[in-house]
Every structure is written in C-alpha cells, then in structure tokens.
Amino acid sequence: ISTRSSSLGDIEAITHELTVFDPIEVFGKGGALESSGAEIRTPHFFFKSGEAPDGMEAMAKKIKDADCYLVVTPEYNHTLPPSISGMISHFGGSCYACKPSGI
C-alpha cells in the first residue's frame, strides 16, 4: 500500500491510496494465490463465505473495497499477459462491478 499526495490549483491536497498486486508476489511463495500455482484451480468465488485461504480473502476484500482499478501491464500478443488475467479471474465479476477501470 502506498499513499500519494499532491496539490492542484486551489485544491490544497489530493491524496490517493494505492495497492499494487504484482503477479510474481501474488503467485509466489507466501503470496495470496500461491496454492493456485498461477492457474485458476479454485477461484475465490468457489469457496463458501469465510472458507477461502486468508491471503486470498484479504486480497478479495481489498479488491472489493477499491474505488477504481488501473491495470498497468505490457502487451502480450494483443492482450493482457496470462499472469495478469489469471490473477484478475480468481475473483468474480461482482468484485469489480460498477467501478471505473482502465488498462
């Protein structure tokens, strides 16, 4: 988590909280989705409420609580890299619903 502050004209302070999910960390040892092996074996929405692994549950909560999403990634054969789309696909569409996003 990172906090950024700046000013704009008459607005004295603009503060944004930022959470970065790096696939290397998320799928790596100790990561929220380590047990998946970078595959969508058991996505978050397959678990009953409160039964998902702690790291996955915390990541889902962070995603649901976000005001918007910005995906920053290189192009891979005219689309997102599989690691990014796999990470996003672990969480159901309701986690991202009705929120602004950009790639």
N, C-alpha and C. Protein backbone atom coordinates (compact mmCIF):
# COMPACT_ATOMS: atom_id res chain seq x y z
N ILE A 1 0.86 -1.17 0.00
CA ILE A 1 0.00 0.00 0.00
C ILE A 1 0.90 1.22 0.00
N SER A 2 0.50 2.18 -0.78
CA SER A 2 1.26 3.41 -0.89
C SER A 2 0.29 4.57 -0.87
N THR A 3 0.67 5.67 -0.29
CA THR A 3 -0.15 6.87 -0.27
C THR A 3 0.58 7.96 -1.02
N ARG A 4 -0.11 8.62 -1.91
CA ARG A 4 0.46 9.70 -2.70
C ARG A 4 -0.32 10.97 -2.41
N SER A 5 0.37 12.09 -2.26
CA SER A 5 -0.26 13.38 -2.03
C SER A 5 0.30 14.40 -3.01
N SER A 6 -0.54 15.32 -3.43
CA SER A 6 -0.10 16.40 -4.30
C SER A 6 -1.10 17.54 -4.21
N SER A 7 -0.86 18.61 -4.93
CA SER A 7 -1.80 19.73 -4.95
C SER A 7 -2.15 20.06 -6.39
N LEU A 8 -3.29 20.73 -6.56
CA LEU A 8 -3.77 21.08 -7.89
C LEU A 8 -4.52 22.40 -7.79
N GLY A 9 -3.94 23.45 -8.32
CA GLY A 9 -4.60 24.76 -8.29
C GLY A 9 -4.98 25.17 -6.88
N ASP A 10 -6.26 25.48 -6.67
CA ASP A 10 -6.75 25.90 -5.36
C ASP A 10 -6.95 24.74 -4.39
N ILE A 11 -6.91 23.54 -4.89
CA ILE A 11 -7.06 22.37 -4.03
C ILE A 11 -5.74 22.14 -3.32
N GLU A 12 -5.77 22.20 -2.00
CA GLU A 12 -4.53 22.10 -1.24
C GLU A 12 -3.91 20.72 -1.24
N ALA A 13 -4.74 19.69 -1.16
CA ALA A 13 -4.17 18.34 -1.09
C ALA A 13 -5.09 17.33 -1.76
N ILE A 14 -4.48 16.48 -2.52
CA ILE A 14 -5.17 15.34 -3.13
C ILE A 14 -4.40 14.11 -2.66
N THR A 15 -5.09 13.20 -2.03
CA THR A 15 -4.42 12.01 -1.51
C THR A 15 -5.07 10.76 -2.10
N HIS A 16 -4.23 9.85 -2.55
CA HIS A 16 -4.70 8.59 -3.11
C HIS A 16 -4.01 7.45 -2.39
N GLU A 17 -4.76 6.42 -2.02
CA GLU A 17 -4.16 5.20 -1.52
C GLU A 17 -4.07 4.23 -2.67
N LEU A 18 -2.95 3.59 -2.80
CA LEU A 18 -2.65 2.72 -3.92
C LEU A 18 -2.26 1.34 -3.41
N THR A 19 -2.82 0.31 -4.00
CA THR A 19 -2.40 -1.06 -3.69
C THR A 19 -1.90 -1.68 -4.98
N VAL A 20 -0.72 -2.26 -4.94
CA VAL A 20 -0.13 -2.89 -6.12
C VAL A 20 -0.13 -4.40 -5.90
N PHE A 21 -0.73 -5.12 -6.85
CA PHE A 21 -0.69 -6.58 -6.83
C PHE A 21 0.21 -7.03 -7.98
N ASP A 22 1.40 -7.47 -7.66
CA ASP A 22 2.37 -7.94 -8.64
C ASP A 22 2.21 -9.46 -8.74
N PRO A 23 1.95 -10.00 -9.94
CA PRO A 23 1.77 -11.45 -10.07
C PRO A 23 2.93 -12.27 -9.51
N ILE A 24 4.15 -11.77 -9.60
CA ILE A 24 5.29 -12.52 -9.06
C ILE A 24 5.13 -12.70 -7.55
N GLU A 25 4.64 -11.67 -6.88
CA GLU A 25 4.44 -11.76 -5.43
C GLU A 25 3.16 -12.52 -5.09
N VAL A 26 2.10 -12.26 -5.82
CA VAL A 26 0.80 -12.87 -5.53
C VAL A 26 0.84 -14.39 -5.72
N PHE A 27 1.47 -14.85 -6.82
CA PHE A 27 1.55 -16.28 -7.09
C PHE A 27 2.79 -16.93 -6.47
N GLY A 28 3.73 -16.13 -5.98
CA GLY A 28 4.97 -16.65 -5.41
C GLY A 28 4.81 -17.19 -4.01
N LYS A 29 5.91 -17.64 -3.45
CA LYS A 29 5.91 -18.23 -2.12
C LYS A 29 5.37 -17.24 -1.09
N GLY A 30 4.36 -17.66 -0.35
CA GLY A 30 3.74 -16.82 0.66
C GLY A 30 2.71 -15.84 0.11
N GLY A 31 2.50 -15.86 -1.21
CA GLY A 31 1.55 -14.95 -1.84
C GLY A 31 0.10 -15.38 -1.64
N ALA A 32 -0.81 -14.47 -1.87
CA ALA A 32 -2.24 -14.72 -1.66
C ALA A 32 -2.77 -15.86 -2.52
N LEU A 33 -2.19 -16.06 -3.70
CA LEU A 33 -2.67 -17.11 -4.61
C LEU A 33 -1.62 -18.19 -4.85
N GLU A 34 -0.71 -18.35 -3.90
CA GLU A 34 0.38 -19.33 -4.03
C GLU A 34 -0.14 -20.73 -4.30
N SER A 35 -1.21 -21.13 -3.63
CA SER A 35 -1.72 -22.51 -3.76
C SER A 35 -2.28 -22.80 -5.14
N SER A 36 -2.57 -21.77 -5.92
CA SER A 36 -3.14 -22.00 -7.25
C SER A 36 -2.09 -22.39 -8.27
N GLY A 37 -0.83 -22.14 -8.00
CA GLY A 37 0.22 -22.44 -8.96
C GLY A 37 0.09 -21.63 -10.23
N ALA A 38 -0.43 -20.41 -10.14
CA ALA A 38 -0.64 -19.50 -11.27
C ALA A 38 -1.68 -20.02 -12.25
N GLU A 39 -2.51 -20.96 -11.79
CA GLU A 39 -3.63 -21.45 -12.59
C GLU A 39 -4.92 -21.15 -11.81
N ILE A 40 -6.01 -21.11 -12.52
CA ILE A 40 -7.28 -20.87 -11.83
C ILE A 40 -7.86 -22.22 -11.43
N ARG A 41 -7.27 -22.81 -10.40
CA ARG A 41 -7.73 -24.12 -9.90
C ARG A 41 -8.98 -23.96 -9.04
N THR A 42 -8.89 -23.13 -8.05
CA THR A 42 -10.01 -22.87 -7.16
C THR A 42 -10.10 -21.37 -6.93
N PRO A 43 -10.88 -20.67 -7.76
CA PRO A 43 -11.00 -19.23 -7.60
C PRO A 43 -11.74 -18.87 -6.31
N HIS A 44 -11.59 -17.64 -5.90
CA HIS A 44 -12.19 -17.16 -4.66
C HIS A 44 -13.69 -17.43 -4.60
N PHE A 45 -14.39 -17.24 -5.72
CA PHE A 45 -15.85 -17.38 -5.70
C PHE A 45 -16.31 -18.83 -5.60
N PHE A 46 -15.42 -19.82 -5.66
CA PHE A 46 -15.79 -21.22 -5.44
C PHE A 46 -15.93 -21.54 -3.96
N PHE A 47 -15.28 -20.76 -3.11
CA PHE A 47 -15.31 -21.01 -1.68
C PHE A 47 -16.59 -20.45 -1.06
N LYS A 48 -17.08 -21.12 -0.02
CA LYS A 48 -18.18 -20.56 0.75
C LYS A 48 -17.63 -19.37 1.54
N SER A 49 -18.50 -18.49 1.92
CA SER A 49 -18.08 -17.29 2.65
C SER A 49 -17.23 -17.65 3.87
N GLY A 50 -16.05 -17.03 3.95
CA GLY A 50 -15.16 -17.24 5.08
C GLY A 50 -14.29 -18.48 5.00
N GLU A 51 -14.40 -19.29 3.94
CA GLU A 51 -13.62 -20.52 3.84
C GLU A 51 -12.41 -20.42 2.91
N ALA A 52 -12.25 -19.32 2.22
CA ALA A 52 -11.10 -19.13 1.33
C ALA A 52 -9.84 -18.95 2.18
N PRO A 53 -8.67 -19.30 1.64
CA PRO A 53 -7.42 -19.05 2.38
C PRO A 53 -7.31 -17.58 2.80
N ASP A 54 -6.67 -17.33 3.92
CA ASP A 54 -6.60 -15.97 4.47
C ASP A 54 -6.06 -14.94 3.49
N GLY A 55 -4.96 -15.27 2.80
CA GLY A 55 -4.37 -14.33 1.86
C GLY A 55 -5.31 -13.99 0.72
N MET A 56 -6.01 -15.02 0.21
CA MET A 56 -6.96 -14.81 -0.88
C MET A 56 -8.14 -13.97 -0.40
N GLU A 57 -8.60 -14.23 0.81
CA GLU A 57 -9.72 -13.47 1.38
C GLU A 57 -9.34 -12.01 1.56
N ALA A 58 -8.12 -11.76 2.04
CA ALA A 58 -7.66 -10.38 2.22
C ALA A 58 -7.54 -9.66 0.88
N MET A 59 -7.04 -10.37 -0.14
CA MET A 59 -6.92 -9.77 -1.47
C MET A 59 -8.30 -9.46 -2.04
N ALA A 60 -9.26 -10.37 -1.87
CA ALA A 60 -10.63 -10.15 -2.35
C ALA A 60 -11.25 -8.93 -1.67
N LYS A 61 -11.03 -8.81 -0.37
CA LYS A 61 -11.57 -7.65 0.36
C LYS A 61 -10.97 -6.35 -0.16
N LYS A 62 -9.67 -6.34 -0.41
CA LYS A 62 -9.00 -5.14 -0.92
C LYS A 62 -9.56 -4.77 -2.30
N ILE A 63 -9.80 -5.78 -3.13
CA ILE A 63 -10.36 -5.53 -4.46
C ILE A 63 -11.78 -4.99 -4.35
N LYS A 64 -12.61 -5.61 -3.50
CA LYS A 64 -14.00 -5.16 -3.33
C LYS A 64 -14.07 -3.74 -2.77
N ASP A 65 -13.15 -3.39 -1.88
CA ASP A 65 -13.17 -2.08 -1.22
C ASP A 65 -12.60 -0.96 -2.09
N ALA A 66 -11.97 -1.30 -3.19
CA ALA A 66 -11.33 -0.28 -4.05
C ALA A 66 -12.39 0.61 -4.72
N ASP A 67 -12.03 1.86 -4.94
CA ASP A 67 -12.91 2.80 -5.64
C ASP A 67 -12.81 2.65 -7.15
N CYS A 68 -11.64 2.23 -7.63
CA CYS A 68 -11.42 2.05 -9.07
C CYS A 68 -10.23 1.13 -9.26
N TYR A 69 -9.97 0.76 -10.53
CA TYR A 69 -8.88 -0.14 -10.86
C TYR A 69 -8.10 0.41 -12.04
N LEU A 70 -6.80 0.28 -11.95
CA LEU A 70 -5.93 0.66 -13.04
C LEU A 70 -4.92 -0.48 -13.23
N VAL A 71 -4.97 -1.11 -14.38
CA VAL A 71 -4.06 -2.22 -14.68
C VAL A 71 -2.94 -1.66 -15.56
N VAL A 72 -1.72 -1.80 -15.09
CA VAL A 72 -0.55 -1.33 -15.84
C VAL A 72 0.25 -2.58 -16.22
N THR A 73 0.34 -2.84 -17.51
CA THR A 73 0.97 -4.07 -17.97
C THR A 73 1.46 -3.92 -19.40
N PRO A 74 2.47 -4.68 -19.77
CA PRO A 74 2.88 -4.69 -21.18
C PRO A 74 1.86 -5.50 -21.99
N GLU A 75 1.86 -5.27 -23.27
CA GLU A 75 1.00 -6.05 -24.16
C GLU A 75 1.63 -7.42 -24.40
N TYR A 76 0.82 -8.43 -24.48
CA TYR A 76 1.28 -9.79 -24.74
C TYR A 76 0.36 -10.38 -25.81
N ASN A 77 0.82 -10.45 -27.05
CA ASN A 77 0.01 -10.95 -28.17
C ASN A 77 -1.35 -10.26 -28.25
N HIS A 78 -1.33 -8.95 -28.18
CA HIS A 78 -2.52 -8.10 -28.32
C HIS A 78 -3.50 -8.22 -27.15
N THR A 79 -3.06 -8.66 -26.01
CA THR A 79 -3.94 -8.78 -24.85
C THR A 79 -3.11 -8.67 -23.57
N LEU A 80 -3.73 -8.90 -22.42
CA LEU A 80 -3.02 -8.92 -21.14
C LEU A 80 -2.18 -10.19 -21.03
N PRO A 81 -1.07 -10.14 -20.32
CA PRO A 81 -0.31 -11.36 -20.07
C PRO A 81 -1.17 -12.36 -19.26
N PRO A 82 -0.97 -13.64 -19.47
CA PRO A 82 -1.76 -14.64 -18.74
C PRO A 82 -1.68 -14.49 -17.22
N SER A 83 -0.56 -14.06 -16.69
CA SER A 83 -0.45 -13.91 -15.24
C SER A 83 -1.40 -12.84 -14.71
N ILE A 84 -1.58 -11.76 -15.47
CA ILE A 84 -2.49 -10.69 -15.04
C ILE A 84 -3.94 -11.15 -15.16
N SER A 85 -4.30 -11.73 -16.32
CA SER A 85 -5.69 -12.16 -16.49
C SER A 85 -6.03 -13.29 -15.52
N GLY A 86 -5.07 -14.17 -15.23
CA GLY A 86 -5.31 -15.23 -14.25
C GLY A 86 -5.53 -14.67 -12.86
N MET A 87 -4.74 -13.68 -12.49
CA MET A 87 -4.88 -13.07 -11.17
C MET A 87 -6.24 -12.40 -11.05
N ILE A 88 -6.65 -11.65 -12.06
CA ILE A 88 -7.95 -10.97 -12.05
C ILE A 88 -9.09 -11.99 -12.02
N SER A 89 -8.94 -13.08 -12.77
CA SER A 89 -10.02 -14.07 -12.90
C SER A 89 -10.24 -14.90 -11.65
N HIS A 90 -9.33 -14.86 -10.69
CA HIS A 90 -9.54 -15.57 -9.44
C HIS A 90 -10.69 -14.97 -8.63
N PHE A 91 -11.08 -13.77 -8.97
CA PHE A 91 -12.11 -13.07 -8.21
C PHE A 91 -13.28 -12.79 -9.14
N GLY A 92 -14.48 -13.06 -8.68
CA GLY A 92 -15.68 -12.91 -9.51
C GLY A 92 -15.92 -11.49 -9.97
N GLY A 93 -16.70 -11.37 -11.02
CA GLY A 93 -17.02 -10.06 -11.59
C GLY A 93 -17.67 -9.12 -10.61
N SER A 94 -18.37 -9.66 -9.61
CA SER A 94 -19.02 -8.79 -8.63
C SER A 94 -18.01 -7.99 -7.81
N CYS A 95 -16.76 -8.47 -7.73
CA CYS A 95 -15.72 -7.72 -7.00
C CYS A 95 -15.37 -6.43 -7.74
N TYR A 96 -15.53 -6.44 -9.07
CA TYR A 96 -15.12 -5.31 -9.89
C TYR A 96 -16.31 -4.49 -10.40
N ALA A 97 -17.52 -4.93 -10.13
CA ALA A 97 -18.72 -4.36 -10.72
C ALA A 97 -18.93 -2.88 -10.39
N CYS A 98 -19.36 -2.13 -11.38
CA CYS A 98 -19.79 -0.74 -11.22
C CYS A 98 -18.69 0.19 -10.71
N LYS A 99 -17.45 -0.10 -11.03
CA LYS A 99 -16.34 0.75 -10.62
C LYS A 99 -15.53 1.11 -11.85
N PRO A 100 -15.05 2.35 -11.92
CA PRO A 100 -14.24 2.73 -13.09
C PRO A 100 -12.94 1.94 -13.14
N SER A 101 -12.50 1.64 -14.34
CA SER A 101 -11.26 0.89 -14.50
C SER A 101 -10.57 1.30 -15.80
N GLY A 102 -9.30 1.01 -15.86
CA GLY A 102 -8.52 1.33 -17.07
C GLY A 102 -7.36 0.37 -17.20
N ILE A 103 -6.97 0.13 -18.46
CA ILE A 103 -5.82 -0.75 -18.74
C ILE A 103 -4.80 0.06 -19.50
